Amino acid sequence: MDQVCNFCRALKFAKETPGMCCAGGKVKSPELCPPPELCPPPEPLATLISGSTNQSRHFLKNIRKYNSCFQMTSFGATEIIRDNYMPTFKVQGQVYHRAGSLLPLPGADHQFLQIYFMGDTNEQIDQRRRFNSGTIREIVADLQDMLHRHNELVRVFRSSLELMPTDDYVVVIKADKTPGEHAGRFNAPTSDEVAIVIVGEEFNSRDIVLRRRDGCLKRVSETHRSYDALQYPLLFWQGEDGYHFNLRMRNPGTDEETSKKVSAMNYYSYRIMIRDNAENHILLCRQLFHQYIVDMYAKIETERLLFIRLNQTKLRSEEYVHLRDAIASDGHIDPNHLAKMLGRKSKFISHLGNQPQIGTI
């Protein structure tokens, strides 16, 4: 890669699209991708992802298991496994994350986020390894200590639990950073920026609402700012914000925010680029990085489909109802030819390719 973006210093090949990294300087914020040298992973994570020792090579080979030890939400998808060798991560159908209560029901096992609140450190380690065979106790113990020290979400949940005297209280994590909050920082937010403890139903449909103790699993919205950090604590060890609806593009000339929002595709394209004289630790995480990319691409497709559903008037797809019926009833009509005549291709590009579709989603 011998081409360097003038705006964000991303490295690219000569024939790659100039704006693929930062949309020509429009996607620009320390919140999206800080200089990695300003916030390198702490120990032991930095050494474990280096691949320089036998222990780190073991860790990288089993990195999805180690992330599973500490993930705070469950990952739901049908994984495609062919034969016994799968160098890449593949899923089919819908991808979703779900969160439970802070404490389990009496007699039930602690799982996911609940493990962080078991009384004894050794009990936490044993419970994490119980669900993830083949992990090394020393590594799990060191990573657990790291997350308790550095992850803001863990600290927030712990302090919130102490403020919940009964099961009537809930912890609410706001879906978006409130407009007007300082967005020029990437470091983990403080407690009062992350969550509130309330009684009642005063929350948005996309907010994460965790009860003190119940047996229900609730789906986490793909556009919630903590969606990534809750599922991938080894990638986002500070518990920092990810993609959300209030991220705005910037004017490359004045560096001021515009009214146009950053899309999920813009955000993740920016987030995973290799940059000049900087190391992006997410790219070193092998199969966990594969899972993260598949997961986030599913989010991008979900956002595109949501846009199409909410903008039918703008897209004027209702104009093609009768044309669609004609195609369905006459097998001799070539939809590719009709699409070429109309100059309208499908608004949704699936992984199967951008085949012309008339008025369909």
Protein backbone atom coordinates (compact mmCIF):
# COMPACT_ATOMS: atom_id res chain seq x y z
CA MET A 1 0.00 0.00 0.00
CA ASP A 2 1.76 3.10 -1.26
CA GLN A 3 -1.07 5.66 -1.31
CA VAL A 4 -1.70 7.84 1.77
CA CYS A 5 -4.95 9.75 2.30
CA ASN A 6 -4.28 13.47 2.71
CA PHE A 7 -7.05 13.78 5.30
CA CYS A 8 -6.83 10.78 7.65
CA ARG A 9 -3.43 9.24 6.71
CA ALA A 10 -5.02 5.91 5.74
CA LEU A 11 -2.87 3.61 3.62
CA LYS A 12 -4.41 2.35 0.36
CA PHE A 13 -3.55 0.68 -2.90
CA ALA A 14 -3.29 2.80 -6.02
CA LYS A 15 -6.61 1.73 -7.57
CA GLU A 16 -8.72 1.95 -4.42
CA THR A 17 -11.45 4.60 -4.18
CA PRO A 18 -10.03 7.89 -2.82
CA GLY A 19 -12.91 8.44 -0.38
CA MET A 20 -13.26 4.89 0.95
CA CYS A 21 -11.49 5.70 4.23
CA CYS A 22 -12.95 9.04 5.36
CA ALA A 23 -15.24 10.24 2.52
CA GLY A 24 -12.72 12.89 1.51
CA GLY A 25 -12.21 14.30 4.98
CA LYS A 26 -15.92 14.34 5.91
CA VAL A 27 -15.57 11.53 8.46
CA LYS A 28 -13.17 13.00 10.95
CA SER A 29 -13.30 12.75 14.70
CA PRO A 30 -11.03 11.51 17.49
CA GLU A 31 -14.14 9.70 18.78
CA LEU A 32 -14.19 7.51 15.68
CA CYS A 33 -10.55 6.54 15.51
CA PRO A 34 -7.96 8.15 17.75
CA PRO A 35 -4.27 7.93 16.97
CA PRO A 36 -3.58 4.40 18.28
CA GLU A 37 -0.33 5.51 19.85
CA LEU A 38 -2.39 7.71 22.21
CA CYS A 39 -4.35 4.77 23.62
CA PRO A 40 -2.48 1.50 23.05
CA PRO A 41 -3.95 -1.61 24.68
CA PRO A 42 -2.82 -2.08 28.29
CA GLU A 43 -1.02 -5.14 29.57
CA PRO A 44 -1.53 -8.03 29.35
CA LEU A 45 -3.56 -7.46 26.17
CA ALA A 46 -0.77 -5.67 24.30
CA THR A 47 1.61 -8.62 24.71
CA LEU A 48 -1.09 -11.23 24.08
CA ILE A 49 -1.99 -9.83 20.64
CA SER A 50 1.65 -9.44 19.62
CA GLY A 51 2.12 -13.13 18.76
CA SER A 52 5.69 -12.94 20.09
CA THR A 53 5.47 -15.66 22.77
CA ASN A 54 4.02 -19.16 23.05
CA GLN A 55 1.33 -17.84 25.36
CA SER A 56 0.37 -15.04 22.97
CA ARG A 57 0.22 -17.47 20.05
CA HIS A 58 -2.11 -19.67 22.09
CA PHE A 59 -4.20 -16.60 22.91
CA LEU A 60 -4.53 -15.52 19.27
CA LYS A 61 -5.48 -19.05 18.22
CA ASN A 62 -8.26 -19.05 20.84
CA ILE A 63 -9.08 -15.35 20.93
CA ARG A 64 -12.79 -15.82 20.30
CA LYS A 65 -12.99 -18.07 23.37
CA TYR A 66 -11.21 -15.48 25.50
CA ASN A 67 -13.50 -12.72 24.28
CA SER A 68 -16.46 -14.99 25.05
CA CYS A 69 -15.18 -15.24 28.63
CA PHE A 70 -15.78 -11.51 29.09
CA GLN A 71 -18.53 -10.51 26.65
CA MET A 72 -21.47 -8.84 28.38
CA THR A 73 -24.10 -9.71 25.77
CA SER A 74 -24.87 -12.98 24.02
CA PHE A 75 -24.16 -13.33 20.30
CA GLY A 76 -26.99 -14.81 18.24
CA ALA A 77 -26.47 -16.10 14.70
CA THR A 78 -26.30 -19.34 12.75
CA GLU A 79 -22.62 -19.97 12.08
CA ILE A 80 -21.77 -21.73 8.82
CA ILE A 81 -19.25 -24.51 9.40
CA ARG A 82 -18.07 -26.62 6.48
CA ASP A 83 -15.81 -29.63 7.10
CA ASN A 84 -13.51 -29.22 10.10
CA TYR A 85 -11.40 -26.30 8.92
CA MET A 86 -12.82 -22.78 8.92
CA PRO A 87 -10.20 -20.05 8.47
CA THR A 88 -12.93 -17.42 8.21
CA PHE A 89 -16.07 -16.64 10.20
CA LYS A 90 -19.38 -17.03 8.31
CA VAL A 91 -22.99 -16.74 9.40
CA GLN A 92 -26.37 -16.94 7.75
CA GLY A 93 -29.61 -15.24 8.65
CA GLN A 94 -29.95 -12.46 11.20
CA VAL A 95 -27.31 -11.41 13.71
CA TYR A 96 -28.43 -10.12 17.11
CA HIS A 97 -27.05 -9.37 20.59
CA ARG A 98 -29.09 -9.90 23.77
CA ALA A 99 -28.59 -8.72 27.35
CA GLY A 100 -29.96 -10.12 30.59
CA SER A 101 -30.31 -8.74 34.10
CA LEU A 102 -27.41 -7.75 36.34
CA LEU A 103 -28.06 -10.68 38.69
CA PRO A 104 -29.36 -14.19 37.93
CA LEU A 105 -32.52 -15.69 39.37
CA PRO A 106 -32.03 -17.69 42.59
CA GLY A 107 -30.41 -21.03 41.79
CA ALA A 108 -29.44 -20.03 38.24
CA ASP A 109 -25.87 -19.79 36.94
CA HIS A 110 -24.15 -16.44 36.44
CA GLN A 111 -23.67 -15.73 32.74
CA PHE A 112 -22.14 -12.96 30.60
CA LEU A 113 -22.43 -9.61 32.42
CA GLN A 114 -23.61 -11.30 35.64
CA ILE A 115 -20.21 -12.97 36.12
CA TYR A 116 -18.62 -9.55 36.79
CA PHE A 117 -20.67 -9.30 40.00
CA MET A 118 -19.89 -12.66 41.56
CA GLY A 119 -18.48 -12.04 45.03
CA ASP A 120 -15.13 -13.80 44.69
CA THR A 121 -12.50 -13.19 42.01
CA ASN A 122 -11.59 -16.86 41.78
CA GLU A 123 -15.26 -17.77 41.38
CA GLN A 124 -15.47 -15.35 38.45
CA ILE A 125 -12.45 -16.96 36.79
CA ASP A 126 -13.80 -20.48 37.28
CA GLN A 127 -17.21 -19.52 35.90
CA ARG A 128 -15.70 -17.90 32.81
CA ARG A 129 -13.54 -20.95 32.06
CA ARG A 130 -16.44 -23.30 32.71
CA PHE A 131 -18.17 -22.05 29.55
CA ASN A 132 -14.93 -21.79 27.53
CA SER A 133 -12.82 -24.92 27.67
CA GLY A 134 -9.18 -24.78 26.60
CA THR A 135 -8.48 -21.36 28.10
CA ILE A 136 -5.52 -20.78 30.43
CA ARG A 137 -6.42 -19.69 33.95
CA GLU A 138 -3.54 -17.20 34.23
CA ILE A 139 -4.58 -15.39 31.04
CA VAL A 140 -8.23 -15.23 32.12
CA ALA A 141 -7.22 -13.87 35.53
CA ASP A 142 -4.98 -11.16 34.04
CA LEU A 143 -7.58 -10.06 31.48
CA GLN A 144 -10.28 -10.00 34.14
CA ASP A 145 -8.14 -7.70 36.31
CA MET A 146 -7.46 -5.47 33.29
CA LEU A 147 -11.16 -5.04 32.49
CA HIS A 148 -12.06 -4.34 36.11
CA ARG A 149 -9.42 -1.59 36.10
CA HIS A 150 -10.01 -0.05 32.68
CA ASN A 151 -13.53 -0.79 31.39
CA GLU A 152 -15.94 2.03 32.18
CA LEU A 153 -19.02 -0.08 31.48
CA VAL A 154 -18.00 -2.61 34.14
CA ARG A 155 -17.49 0.18 36.67
CA VAL A 156 -20.83 1.75 35.78
CA PHE A 157 -22.75 -1.51 36.14
CA ARG A 158 -21.09 -2.23 39.48
CA SER A 159 -21.89 1.21 40.91
CA SER A 160 -25.43 1.07 39.47
CA LEU A 161 -26.05 -2.28 41.13
CA GLU A 162 -25.11 -0.75 44.48
CA LEU A 163 -27.71 1.99 43.90
CA MET A 164 -30.56 -0.45 43.18
CA PRO A 165 -32.18 -1.34 46.54
CA THR A 166 -34.97 -3.43 44.95
CA ASP A 167 -35.76 -5.22 41.70
CA ASP A 168 -38.09 -2.35 40.73
CA TYR A 169 -35.10 -0.27 39.64
CA VAL A 170 -33.53 -0.44 36.18
CA VAL A 171 -30.26 0.74 34.67
CA VAL A 172 -30.76 2.70 31.45
CA ILE A 173 -27.89 3.19 29.01
CA LYS A 174 -28.82 5.91 26.55
CA ALA A 175 -28.71 4.81 22.91
CA ASP A 176 -27.05 7.96 21.57
CA LYS A 177 -24.64 10.54 22.88
CA THR A 178 -26.82 13.53 23.70
CA PRO A 179 -26.47 16.40 21.17
CA GLY A 180 -24.24 19.05 22.69
CA GLU A 181 -22.09 16.62 24.67
CA HIS A 182 -18.41 16.89 23.89
CA ALA A 183 -17.77 14.52 20.99
CA GLY A 184 -14.12 15.32 20.35
CA ARG A 185 -12.80 12.68 22.69
CA PHE A 186 -12.41 8.92 22.43
CA ASN A 187 -11.59 8.03 26.01
CA ALA A 188 -14.21 6.13 27.96
CA PRO A 189 -17.04 8.39 29.20
CA THR A 190 -17.66 9.06 32.84
CA SER A 191 -20.38 7.26 34.76
CA ASP A 192 -23.04 9.96 34.50
CA GLU A 193 -22.60 10.05 30.70
CA VAL A 194 -23.19 6.32 30.37
CA ALA A 195 -26.18 5.27 32.45
CA ILE A 196 -28.87 6.32 34.89
CA VAL A 197 -30.73 4.33 37.56
CA ILE A 198 -34.48 4.94 37.60
CA VAL A 199 -37.83 3.49 38.60
CA GLY A 200 -40.48 3.47 35.87
CA GLU A 201 -40.60 3.43 32.08
CA GLU A 202 -38.82 6.66 31.18
CA PHE A 203 -36.60 5.39 28.39
CA ASN A 204 -36.34 5.26 24.62
CA SER A 205 -37.09 2.09 22.66
CA ARG A 206 -33.43 1.83 21.57
CA ASP A 207 -31.99 2.35 25.06
CA ILE A 208 -30.49 -0.65 26.87
CA VAL A 209 -32.61 -1.31 29.96
CA LEU A 210 -31.18 -3.78 32.48
CA ARG A 211 -33.14 -4.90 35.50
CA ARG A 212 -31.54 -5.90 38.78
CA ARG A 213 -32.82 -9.44 38.60
CA ASP A 214 -35.14 -11.21 36.15
CA GLY A 215 -35.07 -14.14 33.76
CA CYS A 216 -35.57 -12.20 30.51
CA LEU A 217 -33.16 -11.56 27.66
CA LYS A 218 -33.63 -8.31 25.79
CA ARG A 219 -32.34 -7.59 22.33
CA VAL A 220 -29.78 -4.77 22.03
CA SER A 221 -30.40 -2.33 19.17
CA GLU A 222 -27.72 -2.48 16.47
CA THR A 223 -27.51 1.32 16.54
CA HIS A 224 -26.89 1.60 20.29
CA ARG A 225 -23.54 3.26 21.02
CA SER A 226 -22.50 0.44 23.42
CA TYR A 227 -23.45 -2.39 21.04
CA ASP A 228 -19.83 -3.05 20.05
CA ALA A 229 -18.17 -2.60 23.46
CA LEU A 230 -20.59 -4.93 25.26
CA GLN A 231 -19.94 -7.78 22.81
CA TYR A 232 -16.22 -7.22 22.15
CA PRO A 233 -14.54 -6.17 25.43
CA LEU A 234 -11.11 -7.30 24.18
CA LEU A 235 -11.40 -4.97 21.17
CA PHE A 236 -12.89 -2.08 23.14
CA TRP A 237 -11.28 -2.57 26.50
CA GLN A 238 -12.23 0.92 27.74
CA GLY A 239 -15.95 0.36 27.09
CA GLU A 240 -15.92 3.31 24.68
CA ASP A 241 -18.78 4.39 22.43
CA GLY A 242 -19.21 2.89 18.99
CA TYR A 243 -21.47 3.86 16.13
CA HIS A 244 -24.67 5.77 16.90
CA PHE A 245 -27.12 8.06 15.11
CA ASN A 246 -25.76 11.36 16.43
CA LEU A 247 -22.37 11.14 14.71
CA ARG A 248 -22.08 13.93 12.14
CA MET A 249 -19.93 14.45 9.09
CA ARG A 250 -17.59 17.43 9.00
CA ASN A 251 -16.79 20.08 6.44
CA PRO A 252 -13.22 19.27 5.21
CA GLY A 253 -12.52 22.98 4.69
CA THR A 254 -13.73 24.43 7.99
CA ASP A 255 -13.63 21.26 10.16
CA GLU A 256 -17.10 22.15 11.42
CA GLU A 257 -19.93 19.65 11.87
CA THR A 258 -22.58 19.45 9.15
CA SER A 259 -26.18 18.28 9.35
CA LYS A 260 -25.42 15.07 7.46
CA LYS A 261 -25.06 11.97 9.62
CA VAL A 262 -22.23 9.47 9.45
CA SER A 263 -23.55 6.14 8.16
CA ALA A 264 -22.56 2.79 9.62
CA MET A 265 -20.59 2.04 6.46
CA ASN A 266 -18.70 5.36 6.77
CA TYR A 267 -17.95 4.69 10.43
CA TYR A 268 -16.60 1.16 10.10
CA SER A 269 -14.68 1.92 6.91
CA TYR A 270 -12.90 4.65 8.86
CA ARG A 271 -12.47 2.50 11.96
CA ILE A 272 -10.64 -0.46 10.40
CA MET A 273 -8.20 1.35 8.12
CA ILE A 274 -4.43 0.94 8.43
CA ARG A 275 -2.87 4.35 8.98
CA ASP A 276 0.58 5.78 8.41
CA ASN A 277 2.93 5.32 11.40
CA ALA A 278 0.15 3.94 13.62
CA GLU A 279 -0.98 0.47 14.65
CA ASN A 280 -4.65 -0.46 14.71
CA HIS A 281 -4.84 -3.21 17.36
CA ILE A 282 -8.26 -4.43 16.12
CA LEU A 283 -6.58 -5.71 12.96
CA LEU A 284 -4.26 -7.93 15.03
CA CYS A 285 -7.07 -9.94 16.61
CA ARG A 286 -7.40 -12.61 13.92
CA GLN A 287 -10.62 -14.65 14.19
CA LEU A 288 -12.17 -12.16 16.62
CA PHE A 289 -11.58 -9.48 13.99
CA HIS A 290 -13.27 -11.76 11.42
CA GLN A 291 -16.33 -12.11 13.68
CA TYR A 292 -16.38 -8.36 14.34
CA ILE A 293 -16.33 -7.53 10.61
CA VAL A 294 -19.14 -9.98 9.80
CA ASP A 295 -21.17 -8.65 12.73
CA MET A 296 -20.71 -5.01 11.73
CA TYR A 297 -21.46 -5.70 8.07
CA ALA A 298 -24.76 -7.24 9.19
CA LYS A 299 -25.36 -3.95 11.02
CA ILE A 300 -24.62 -1.99 7.83
CA GLU A 301 -27.11 -4.08 5.86
CA THR A 302 -29.73 -3.66 8.60
CA GLU A 303 -29.30 0.11 8.47
CA ARG A 304 -29.67 0.12 4.68
CA LEU A 305 -32.86 -1.94 4.85
CA LEU A 306 -34.22 0.36 7.57
CA PHE A 307 -33.55 3.39 5.37
CA ILE A 308 -35.40 1.78 2.45
CA ARG A 309 -38.37 0.88 4.67
CA LEU A 310 -38.63 4.39 6.13
CA ASN A 311 -38.15 6.22 2.82
CA GLN A 312 -40.58 4.52 0.49
CA THR A 313 -42.09 7.86 -0.57
CA LYS A 314 -38.70 9.21 -1.61
CA LEU A 315 -37.78 6.02 -3.40
CA ARG A 316 -41.16 5.98 -5.21
CA SER A 317 -41.28 2.19 -5.19
CA GLU A 318 -45.09 2.29 -5.16
CA GLU A 319 -44.92 3.41 -8.80
CA TYR A 320 -43.70 -0.05 -9.74
CA VAL A 321 -46.51 -2.08 -8.14
CA HIS A 322 -48.32 -2.75 -11.41
CA LEU A 323 -45.05 -3.32 -13.25
CA ARG A 324 -44.03 -5.84 -10.60
CA ASP A 325 -47.35 -7.64 -10.98
CA ALA A 326 -46.85 -7.78 -14.74
CA ILE A 327 -43.41 -9.33 -14.36
CA ALA A 328 -44.74 -11.90 -11.90
CA SER A 329 -47.51 -12.95 -14.27
CA ASP A 330 -45.44 -13.00 -17.47
CA GLY A 331 -42.32 -15.12 -17.34
CA HIS A 332 -41.14 -13.82 -20.72
CA ILE A 333 -40.45 -10.27 -19.47
CA ASP A 334 -36.76 -9.62 -18.82
CA PRO A 335 -36.48 -7.54 -15.59
CA ASN A 336 -32.86 -6.65 -16.41
CA HIS A 337 -34.01 -5.07 -19.66
CA LEU A 338 -36.80 -3.17 -17.89
CA ALA A 339 -34.43 -1.92 -15.20
CA LYS A 340 -32.04 -0.68 -17.87
CA MET A 341 -34.88 1.15 -19.61
CA LEU A 342 -36.07 2.74 -16.39
CA GLY A 343 -32.60 3.58 -15.14
CA ARG A 344 -33.41 2.32 -11.63
CA LYS A 345 -31.44 -0.45 -9.97
CA SER A 346 -32.04 -2.04 -6.62
CA LYS A 347 -31.45 0.29 -3.68
CA PHE A 348 -30.18 -2.61 -1.62
CA ILE A 349 -26.92 -4.29 -2.61
CA SER A 350 -26.81 -7.75 -1.14
CA HIS A 351 -23.82 -10.07 -0.86
CA LEU A 352 -25.13 -11.88 -3.96
CA GLY A 353 -24.44 -8.83 -6.08
CA ASN A 354 -26.44 -5.84 -7.26
CA GLN A 355 -28.94 -7.67 -9.45
CA PRO A 356 -31.61 -5.28 -10.79
CA GLN A 357 -34.84 -5.59 -8.80
CA ILE A 358 -38.03 -3.70 -9.52
CA GLY A 359 -39.69 -2.19 -6.46
CA THR A 360 -38.51 -4.90 -4.10
CA ILE A 361 -36.66 -4.78 -0.82
